[in-house]
Amino acid sequence: MPKIRTLFTDMFNLELPLIGAPMFLVSYEDLAIAVSKAGGMGTIPIPNYRTVEHLEKALFRIRQASVGPIGVNIHLSGKFDWQEQLQVCLDADVCFFIASLGDPGLIVEQVHSRGGKVFADVVNLKQGLKAKQKGADGLVAVGAGAGGHAGAISTLVLVPYLKDKVELPIIAAGGISTGQQMAAAIAVGACAVITGTRLIATPESRAKDEYKEAVCLAGPEEILYTDRITGNPANWLAASIKDVPEKLELG
């Protein structure tokens, strides 16, 4: 496949403007390595690793595979010791950070000092403007249809809206699993796309076989958008939460 050149591929010297989603309990080293070897950007979510020692070993294993640039999703809510996690990532030459659930400005200076980039997960214009104010290099437009926590605005509406109003590079996320969908996102202004669900039923995914099968069998009509699992709106396979009570004790 010929190289598809965008602002994002130029930033990180990639063949394709495609990022493997950092999926909780799914995206570990094997999946990140496979995506990177295929010409995209492999990523892992830091909360998959319960200690910084486990994170350090994972990043070392990825580096041993001699792949290209690697990204991480770092949670800045304060629930995790992100300062120590950040240092481990910087020492492993991670150059792409997706900042979630907190202020991206907390990590911008340190990441920039190592030549890296910080993109902030956002679901609306207010969050996008705030992320720009805090020094983010770009935004991940998390649109309707994104697996897990997601916004309510269509991805093909959110991407050009944010690009016009915020004037930062925009990565599209939500409902992008095919080349046609990637082309559509790029056509409306995205510099790259994040693909997650398409990668769940792969040998490199750490998802359980039962969940892989459920993903393959489900159609879009079987996706449920609700806040009753975590308190924040998210997309779920309806079958996977059918036994969950209406009201959960969070925490």
C-alpha atoms as a PDB file:
ATOM      1  CA  MET A   1       0.000   0.000   0.000  1.00  0.00           C
ATOM      2  CA  PRO A   2       1.437   3.448  -0.872  1.00  0.00           C
ATOM      3  CA  LYS A   3       2.097   5.937   1.874  1.00  0.00           C
ATOM      4  CA  ILE A   4      -0.797   8.261   2.720  1.00  0.00           C
ATOM      5  CA  ARG A   5       0.703  11.599   3.656  1.00  0.00           C
ATOM      6  CA  THR A   6      -0.920  13.949   6.191  1.00  0.00           C
ATOM      7  CA  LEU A   7       0.230  16.356   8.863  1.00  0.00           C
ATOM      8  CA  PHE A   8       0.178  13.469  11.361  1.00  0.00           C
ATOM      9  CA  THR A   9       2.262  11.093   9.239  1.00  0.00           C
ATOM     10  CA  ASP A  10       4.790  13.896   8.746  1.00  0.00           C
ATOM     11  CA  MET A  11       4.929  14.505  12.515  1.00  0.00           C
ATOM     12  CA  PHE A  12       5.883  10.900  13.265  1.00  0.00           C
ATOM     13  CA  ASN A  13       7.214   9.578   9.946  1.00  0.00           C
ATOM     14  CA  LEU A  14       4.407   7.036   9.534  1.00  0.00           C
ATOM     15  CA  GLU A  15       3.191   5.223   6.436  1.00  0.00           C
ATOM     16  CA  LEU A  16      -0.491   5.544   7.351  1.00  0.00           C
ATOM     17  CA  PRO A  17      -2.499   8.172   9.287  1.00  0.00           C
ATOM     18  CA  LEU A  18      -3.970   5.447  11.474  1.00  0.00           C
ATOM     19  CA  ILE A  19      -3.713   4.946  15.233  1.00  0.00           C
ATOM     20  CA  GLY A  20      -4.573   1.685  16.953  1.00  0.00           C
ATOM     21  CA  ALA A  21      -6.909   2.685  19.775  1.00  0.00           C
ATOM     22  CA  PRO A  22      -5.552   2.382  23.327  1.00  0.00           C
ATOM     23  CA  MET A  23      -8.345   0.073  24.520  1.00  0.00           C
ATOM     24  CA  PHE A  24      -8.587  -0.840  28.199  1.00  0.00           C
ATOM     25  CA  LEU A  25      -7.940  -4.572  28.775  1.00  0.00           C
ATOM     26  CA  VAL A  26      -7.522  -5.069  25.014  1.00  0.00           C
ATOM     27  CA  SER A  27      -4.510  -3.091  23.722  1.00  0.00           C
ATOM     28  CA  TYR A  28      -1.274  -4.463  25.125  1.00  0.00           C
ATOM     29  CA  GLU A  29       2.203  -4.814  23.634  1.00  0.00           C
ATOM     30  CA  ASP A  30       1.316  -7.335  20.907  1.00  0.00           C
ATOM     31  CA  LEU A  31      -1.402  -5.159  19.402  1.00  0.00           C
ATOM     32  CA  ALA A  32       0.698  -1.976  19.574  1.00  0.00           C
ATOM     33  CA  ILE A  33       3.606  -3.735  17.869  1.00  0.00           C
ATOM     34  CA  ALA A  34       1.359  -5.161  15.126  1.00  0.00           C
ATOM     35  CA  VAL A  35      -0.204  -1.788  14.316  1.00  0.00           C
ATOM     36  CA  SER A  36       3.190  -0.107  14.175  1.00  0.00           C
ATOM     37  CA  LYS A  37       4.678  -2.808  11.962  1.00  0.00           C
ATOM     38  CA  ALA A  38       1.717  -2.306   9.598  1.00  0.00           C
ATOM     39  CA  GLY A  39       2.661   1.363   9.173  1.00  0.00           C
ATOM     40  CA  GLY A  40       0.427   3.050  11.741  1.00  0.00           C
ATOM     41  CA  MET A  41       0.859   4.248  15.321  1.00  0.00           C
ATOM     42  CA  GLY A  42       0.507   1.577  17.968  1.00  0.00           C
ATOM     43  CA  THR A  43      -0.707   2.703  21.382  1.00  0.00           C
ATOM     44  CA  ILE A  44      -1.357   1.288  24.846  1.00  0.00           C
ATOM     45  CA  PRO A  45      -3.495   2.694  27.667  1.00  0.00           C
ATOM     46  CA  ILE A  46      -1.389   3.155  30.782  1.00  0.00           C
ATOM     47  CA  PRO A  47      -4.206   1.942  33.121  1.00  0.00           C
ATOM     48  CA  ASN A  48      -3.721  -1.551  31.631  1.00  0.00           C
ATOM     49  CA  TYR A  49      -0.581  -1.747  33.770  1.00  0.00           C
ATOM     50  CA  ARG A  50      -1.129  -1.794  37.522  1.00  0.00           C
ATOM     51  CA  THR A  51       2.411  -0.807  38.483  1.00  0.00           C
ATOM     52  CA  VAL A  52       5.058   1.369  36.881  1.00  0.00           C
ATOM     53  CA  GLU A  53       7.315  -1.694  36.809  1.00  0.00           C
ATOM     54  CA  HIS A  54       4.794  -3.506  34.597  1.00  0.00           C
ATOM     55  CA  LEU A  55       4.538  -0.433  32.370  1.00  0.00           C
ATOM     56  CA  GLU A  56       8.318  -0.210  32.134  1.00  0.00           C
ATOM     57  CA  LYS A  57       8.586  -3.865  31.087  1.00  0.00           C
ATOM     58  CA  ALA A  58       5.842  -3.426  28.482  1.00  0.00           C
ATOM     59  CA  LEU A  59       7.492  -0.413  26.887  1.00  0.00           C
ATOM     60  CA  PHE A  60      10.864  -2.203  26.907  1.00  0.00           C
ATOM     61  CA  ARG A  61       9.281  -5.158  25.091  1.00  0.00           C
ATOM     62  CA  ILE A  62       7.768  -2.843  22.473  1.00  0.00           C
ATOM     63  CA  ARG A  63      11.117  -1.173  21.940  1.00  0.00           C
ATOM     64  CA  GLN A  64      12.813  -4.581  21.580  1.00  0.00           C
ATOM     65  CA  ALA A  65      10.494  -5.243  18.650  1.00  0.00           C
ATOM     66  CA  SER A  66      12.228  -2.366  16.804  1.00  0.00           C
ATOM     67  CA  VAL A  67       8.981  -0.750  15.725  1.00  0.00           C
ATOM     68  CA  GLY A  68       8.369   2.905  14.921  1.00  0.00           C
ATOM     69  CA  PRO A  69       6.953   5.566  17.227  1.00  0.00           C
ATOM     70  CA  ILE A  70       4.663   4.399  20.029  1.00  0.00           C
ATOM     71  CA  GLY A  71       1.885   6.283  21.773  1.00  0.00           C
ATOM     72  CA  VAL A  72       0.187   6.013  25.146  1.00  0.00           C
ATOM     73  CA  ASN A  73      -3.116   7.100  26.605  1.00  0.00           C
ATOM     74  CA  ILE A  74      -2.419   8.778  29.949  1.00  0.00           C
ATOM     75  CA  HIS A  75      -5.213   9.490  32.443  1.00  0.00           C
ATOM     76  CA  LEU A  76      -4.783  12.759  34.324  1.00  0.00           C
ATOM     77  CA  SER A  77      -7.717  12.557  36.736  1.00  0.00           C
ATOM     78  CA  GLY A  78      -5.480  11.992  39.743  1.00  0.00           C
ATOM     79  CA  LYS A  79      -6.715   8.434  40.212  1.00  0.00           C
ATOM     80  CA  PHE A  80      -3.337   7.170  38.955  1.00  0.00           C
ATOM     81  CA  ASP A  81       0.203   8.320  39.710  1.00  0.00           C
ATOM     82  CA  TRP A  82       0.555   9.925  36.311  1.00  0.00           C
ATOM     83  CA  GLN A  83       3.790  11.768  37.204  1.00  0.00           C
ATOM     84  CA  GLU A  84       5.702   8.529  37.680  1.00  0.00           C
ATOM     85  CA  GLN A  85       3.984   6.950  34.682  1.00  0.00           C
ATOM     86  CA  LEU A  86       4.924   9.938  32.533  1.00  0.00           C
ATOM     87  CA  GLN A  87       8.578   9.683  33.475  1.00  0.00           C
ATOM     88  CA  VAL A  88       8.678   5.980  32.590  1.00  0.00           C
ATOM     89  CA  CYS A  89       7.142   6.767  29.183  1.00  0.00           C
ATOM     90  CA  LEU A  90       9.568   9.601  28.481  1.00  0.00           C
ATOM     91  CA  ASP A  91      12.526   7.397  29.429  1.00  0.00           C
ATOM     92  CA  ALA A  92      11.222   4.834  26.913  1.00  0.00           C
ATOM     93  CA  ASP A  93      11.094   7.512  24.161  1.00  0.00           C
ATOM     94  CA  VAL A  94       7.293   7.575  23.896  1.00  0.00           C
ATOM     95  CA  CYS A  95       6.588  10.554  21.647  1.00  0.00           C
ATOM     96  CA  PHE A  96       2.773  10.604  21.337  1.00  0.00           C
ATOM     97  CA  PHE A  97       0.502  11.134  24.334  1.00  0.00           C
ATOM     98  CA  ILE A  98      -3.301  11.068  24.296  1.00  0.00           C
ATOM     99  CA  ALA A  99      -4.364  12.963  27.411  1.00  0.00           C
ATOM    100  CA  SER A 100      -7.695  11.954  28.962  1.00  0.00           C
ATOM    101  CA  LEU A 101      -9.841  12.827  31.960  1.00  0.00           C
ATOM    102  CA  GLY A 102      -7.850  15.840  33.067  1.00  0.00           C
ATOM    103  CA  ASP A 103      -5.744  18.853  32.194  1.00  0.00           C
ATOM    104  CA  PRO A 104      -3.352  18.151  29.272  1.00  0.00           C
ATOM    105  CA  GLY A 105      -1.320  21.146  30.390  1.00  0.00           C
ATOM    106  CA  LEU A 106       0.011  19.045  33.261  1.00  0.00           C
ATOM    107  CA  ILE A 107       2.285  17.117  30.890  1.00  0.00           C
ATOM    108  CA  VAL A 108       2.859  19.480  27.961  1.00  0.00           C
ATOM    109  CA  GLU A 109       6.139  21.029  29.127  1.00  0.00           C
ATOM    110  CA  GLN A 110       7.813  17.714  29.945  1.00  0.00           C
ATOM    111  CA  VAL A 111       6.637  16.030  26.740  1.00  0.00           C
ATOM    112  CA  HIS A 112       7.743  18.972  24.604  1.00  0.00           C
ATOM    113  CA  SER A 113      11.167  18.967  26.254  1.00  0.00           C
ATOM    114  CA  ARG A 114      11.646  15.462  24.793  1.00  0.00           C
ATOM    115  CA  GLY A 115      10.283  16.387  21.372  1.00  0.00           C
ATOM    116  CA  GLY A 116       6.915  14.684  21.851  1.00  0.00           C
ATOM    117  CA  LYS A 117       3.337  15.744  21.162  1.00  0.00           C
ATOM    118  CA  VAL A 118       0.236  15.894  23.366  1.00  0.00           C
ATOM    119  CA  PHE A 119      -3.244  15.427  21.883  1.00  0.00           C
ATOM    120  CA  ALA A 120      -6.271  15.808  24.156  1.00  0.00           C
ATOM    121  CA  ASP A 121      -9.417  13.675  24.052  1.00  0.00           C
ATOM    122  CA  VAL A 122     -12.417  16.007  23.633  1.00  0.00           C
ATOM    123  CA  VAL A 123     -16.110  15.553  22.874  1.00  0.00           C
ATOM    124  CA  ASN A 124     -17.166  19.173  22.310  1.00  0.00           C
ATOM    125  CA  LEU A 125     -15.952  22.676  21.481  1.00  0.00           C
ATOM    126  CA  LYS A 126     -15.663  23.832  25.108  1.00  0.00           C
ATOM    127  CA  GLN A 127     -13.206  21.038  25.885  1.00  0.00           C
ATOM    128  CA  GLY A 128     -11.304  21.681  22.654  1.00  0.00           C
ATOM    129  CA  LEU A 129     -10.794  25.373  23.391  1.00  0.00           C
ATOM    130  CA  LYS A 130      -9.691  24.592  26.936  1.00  0.00           C
ATOM    131  CA  ALA A 131      -7.175  22.016  25.691  1.00  0.00           C
ATOM    132  CA  LYS A 132      -5.716  24.553  23.253  1.00  0.00           C
ATOM    133  CA  GLN A 133      -5.412  27.089  26.056  1.00  0.00           C
ATOM    134  CA  LYS A 134      -3.487  24.498  28.084  1.00  0.00           C
ATOM    135  CA  GLY A 135      -0.969  23.974  25.280  1.00  0.00           C
ATOM    136  CA  ALA A 136      -2.150  20.767  23.597  1.00  0.00           C
ATOM    137  CA  ASP A 137      -0.628  20.143  20.167  1.00  0.00           C
ATOM    138  CA  GLY A 138      -3.859  18.722  18.801  1.00  0.00           C
ATOM    139  CA  LEU A 139      -7.201  17.168  19.625  1.00  0.00           C
ATOM    140  CA  VAL A 140      -8.762  13.726  19.411  1.00  0.00           C
ATOM    141  CA  ALA A 141     -12.349  14.375  18.352  1.00  0.00           C
ATOM    142  CA  VAL A 142     -14.216  11.574  20.123  1.00  0.00           C
ATOM    143  CA  GLY A 143     -17.486  11.436  18.231  1.00  0.00           C
ATOM    144  CA  ALA A 144     -20.703   9.470  18.515  1.00  0.00           C
ATOM    145  CA  GLY A 145     -20.104   5.797  17.918  1.00  0.00           C
ATOM    146  CA  ALA A 146     -16.700   5.607  19.597  1.00  0.00           C
ATOM    147  CA  GLY A 147     -16.193   2.473  21.640  1.00  0.00           C
ATOM    148  CA  GLY A 148     -16.279   3.083  25.383  1.00  0.00           C
ATOM    149  CA  HIS A 149     -16.616   6.667  26.586  1.00  0.00           C
ATOM    150  CA  ALA A 150     -17.795   8.856  23.736  1.00  0.00           C
ATOM    151  CA  GLY A 151     -19.456  12.094  22.792  1.00  0.00           C
ATOM    152  CA  ALA A 152     -22.843  12.612  21.223  1.00  0.00           C
ATOM    153  CA  ILE A 153     -21.822  14.600  18.116  1.00  0.00           C
ATOM    154  CA  SER A 154     -21.297  12.759  14.831  1.00  0.00           C
ATOM    155  CA  THR A 155     -17.598  12.279  14.078  1.00  0.00           C
ATOM    156  CA  LEU A 156     -17.998  13.775  10.585  1.00  0.00           C
ATOM    157  CA  VAL A 157     -19.572  16.871  12.150  1.00  0.00           C
ATOM    158  CA  LEU A 158     -17.232  17.175  15.144  1.00  0.00           C
ATOM    159  CA  VAL A 159     -13.968  16.992  13.166  1.00  0.00           C
ATOM    160  CA  PRO A 160     -14.502  19.988  10.818  1.00  0.00           C
ATOM    161  CA  TYR A 161     -16.279  21.917  13.600  1.00  0.00           C
ATOM    162  CA  LEU A 162     -13.273  21.644  15.921  1.00  0.00           C
ATOM    163  CA  LYS A 163     -10.769  22.260  13.136  1.00  0.00           C
ATOM    164  CA  ASP A 164     -12.532  25.485  12.162  1.00  0.00           C
ATOM    165  CA  LYS A 165     -13.108  26.800  15.679  1.00  0.00           C
ATOM    166  CA  VAL A 166      -9.993  25.617  17.522  1.00  0.00           C
ATOM    167  CA  GLU A 167      -7.455  25.639  14.672  1.00  0.00           C
ATOM    168  CA  LEU A 168      -5.426  22.652  15.870  1.00  0.00           C
ATOM    169  CA  PRO A 169      -4.699  19.311  14.157  1.00  0.00           C
ATOM    170  CA  ILE A 170      -7.654  16.961  14.650  1.00  0.00           C
ATOM    171  CA  ILE A 171      -7.616  13.167  14.966  1.00  0.00           C
ATOM    172  CA  ALA A 172     -10.980  11.520  14.275  1.00  0.00           C
ATOM    173  CA  ALA A 173     -12.297   8.805  16.596  1.00  0.00           C
ATOM    174  CA  GLY A 174     -15.638   7.047  16.558  1.00  0.00           C
ATOM    175  CA  GLY A 175     -17.120   4.697  13.986  1.00  0.00           C
ATOM    176  CA  ILE A 176     -13.968   4.376  11.857  1.00  0.00           C
ATOM    177  CA  SER A 177     -13.231   0.763  10.950  1.00  0.00           C
ATOM    178  CA  THR A 178     -12.737   0.774   7.166  1.00  0.00           C
ATOM    179  CA  GLY A 179     -10.633   2.524   4.572  1.00  0.00           C
ATOM    180  CA  GLN A 180     -13.711   4.305   3.261  1.00  0.00           C
ATOM    181  CA  GLN A 181     -14.489   5.669   6.701  1.00  0.00           C
ATOM    182  CA  MET A 182     -10.871   6.785   7.143  1.00  0.00           C
ATOM    183  CA  ALA A 183     -11.031   8.552   3.769  1.00  0.00           C
ATOM    184  CA  ALA A 184     -14.242  10.305   4.817  1.00  0.00           C
ATOM    185  CA  ALA A 185     -12.655  11.548   8.043  1.00  0.00           C
ATOM    186  CA  ILE A 186      -9.603  12.854   6.205  1.00  0.00           C
ATOM    187  CA  ALA A 187     -11.854  14.495   3.603  1.00  0.00           C
ATOM    188  CA  VAL A 188     -13.542  16.580   6.331  1.00  0.00           C
ATOM    189  CA  GLY A 189     -10.252  17.665   7.881  1.00  0.00           C
ATOM    190  CA  ALA A 190      -8.806  14.929  10.095  1.00  0.00           C
ATOM    191  CA  CYS A 191      -5.028  14.469  10.026  1.00  0.00           C
ATOM    192  CA  ALA A 192      -5.383  10.869  11.290  1.00  0.00           C
ATOM    193  CA  VAL A 193      -7.953   8.417  12.598  1.00  0.00           C
ATOM    194  CA  ILE A 194      -8.209   6.096  15.577  1.00  0.00           C
ATOM    195  CA  THR A 195      -9.496   2.577  14.941  1.00  0.00           C
ATOM    196  CA  GLY A 196     -10.415   0.357  17.863  1.00  0.00           C
ATOM    197  CA  THR A 197     -13.346  -2.010  17.422  1.00  0.00           C
ATOM    198  CA  ARG A 198     -11.996  -3.408  14.134  1.00  0.00           C
ATOM    199  CA  LEU A 199      -8.885  -4.577  16.017  1.00  0.00           C
ATOM    200  CA  ILE A 200     -10.629  -6.310  18.931  1.00  0.00           C
ATOM    201  CA  ALA A 201     -11.118  -9.667  17.184  1.00  0.00           C
ATOM    202  CA  THR A 202      -7.472 -10.044  16.175  1.00  0.00           C
ATOM    203  CA  PRO A 203      -4.924 -12.585  17.477  1.00  0.00           C
ATOM    204  CA  GLU A 204      -2.892  -9.719  18.981  1.00  0.00           C
ATOM    205  CA  SER A 205      -5.836  -8.383  21.007  1.00  0.00           C
ATOM    206  CA  ARG A 206      -6.041  -9.378  24.681  1.00  0.00           C
ATOM    207  CA  ALA A 207      -9.863  -9.428  24.642  1.00  0.00           C
ATOM    208  CA  LYS A 208     -11.505 -12.677  25.720  1.00  0.00           C
ATOM    209  CA  ASP A 209     -12.621 -15.008  22.942  1.00  0.00           C
ATOM    210  CA  GLU A 210     -16.264 -14.638  23.986  1.00  0.00           C
ATOM    211  CA  TYR A 211     -16.053 -10.872  23.569  1.00  0.00           C
ATOM    212  CA  LYS A 212     -14.273 -11.152  20.228  1.00  0.00           C
ATOM    213  CA  GLU A 213     -17.101 -13.376  19.014  1.00  0.00           C
ATOM    214  CA  ALA A 214     -19.721 -10.954  20.344  1.00  0.00           C
ATOM    215  CA  VAL A 215     -18.088  -8.075  18.464  1.00  0.00           C
ATOM    216  CA  CYS A 216     -18.058 -10.076  15.225  1.00  0.00           C
ATOM    217  CA  LEU A 217     -21.718 -11.043  15.556  1.00  0.00           C
ATOM    218  CA  ALA A 218     -23.101  -7.646  16.605  1.00  0.00           C
ATOM    219  CA  GLY A 219     -24.524  -5.026  14.274  1.00  0.00           C
ATOM    220  CA  PRO A 220     -24.730  -1.288  14.938  1.00  0.00           C
ATOM    221  CA  GLU A 221     -28.304  -1.713  16.174  1.00  0.00           C
ATOM    222  CA  GLU A 222     -26.918  -3.656  19.138  1.00  0.00           C
ATOM    223  CA  ILE A 223     -24.787  -0.836  20.516  1.00  0.00           C
ATOM    224  CA  LEU A 224     -26.136   0.911  23.604  1.00  0.00           C
ATOM    225  CA  TYR A 225     -25.125   4.458  24.607  1.00  0.00           C
ATOM    226  CA  THR A 226     -25.618   4.889  28.349  1.00  0.00           C
ATOM    227  CA  ASP A 227     -24.083   6.421  31.472  1.00  0.00           C
ATOM    228  CA  ARG A 228     -25.357   3.762  33.859  1.00  0.00           C
ATOM    229  CA  ILE A 229     -22.162   1.692  33.894  1.00  0.00           C
ATOM    230  CA  THR A 230     -19.518   4.281  34.814  1.00  0.00           C
ATOM    231  CA  GLY A 231     -21.478   7.488  35.319  1.00  0.00           C
ATOM    232  CA  ASN A 232     -20.229   8.897  32.000  1.00  0.00           C
ATOM    233  CA  PRO A 233     -21.915   8.307  28.613  1.00  0.00           C
ATOM    234  CA  ALA A 234     -20.333   5.379  26.794  1.00  0.00           C
ATOM    235  CA  ASN A 235     -21.046   2.897  24.021  1.00  0.00           C
ATOM    236  CA  TRP A 236     -21.441  -0.771  24.953  1.00  0.00           C
ATOM    237  CA  LEU A 237     -22.484  -3.971  23.247  1.00  0.00           C
ATOM    238  CA  ALA A 238     -25.977  -4.398  24.639  1.00  0.00           C
ATOM    239  CA  ALA A 239     -25.461  -8.125  25.211  1.00  0.00           C
ATOM    240  CA  SER A 240     -22.386  -7.474  27.355  1.00  0.00           C
ATOM    241  CA  ILE A 241     -24.297  -5.387  29.913  1.00  0.00           C
ATOM    242  CA  LYS A 242     -27.715  -7.065  29.844  1.00  0.00           C
ATOM    243  CA  ASP A 243     -27.246  -8.421  33.377  1.00  0.00           C
ATOM    244  CA  VAL A 244     -25.950  -5.169  34.861  1.00  0.00           C
ATOM    245  CA  PRO A 245     -28.469  -3.538  37.245  1.00  0.00           C
ATOM    246  CA  GLU A 246     -29.923  -0.165  36.354  1.00  0.00           C
ATOM    247  CA  LYS A 247     -28.233   1.533  39.308  1.00  0.00           C
ATOM    248  CA  LEU A 248     -24.633   0.669  40.136  1.00  0.00           C
ATOM    249  CA  GLU A 249     -22.648   1.590  43.197  1.00  0.00           C
ATOM    250  CA  LEU A 250     -19.727   3.423  41.602  1.00  0.00           C
ATOM    251  CA  GLY A 251     -16.220   3.375  42.986  1.00  0.00           C
END
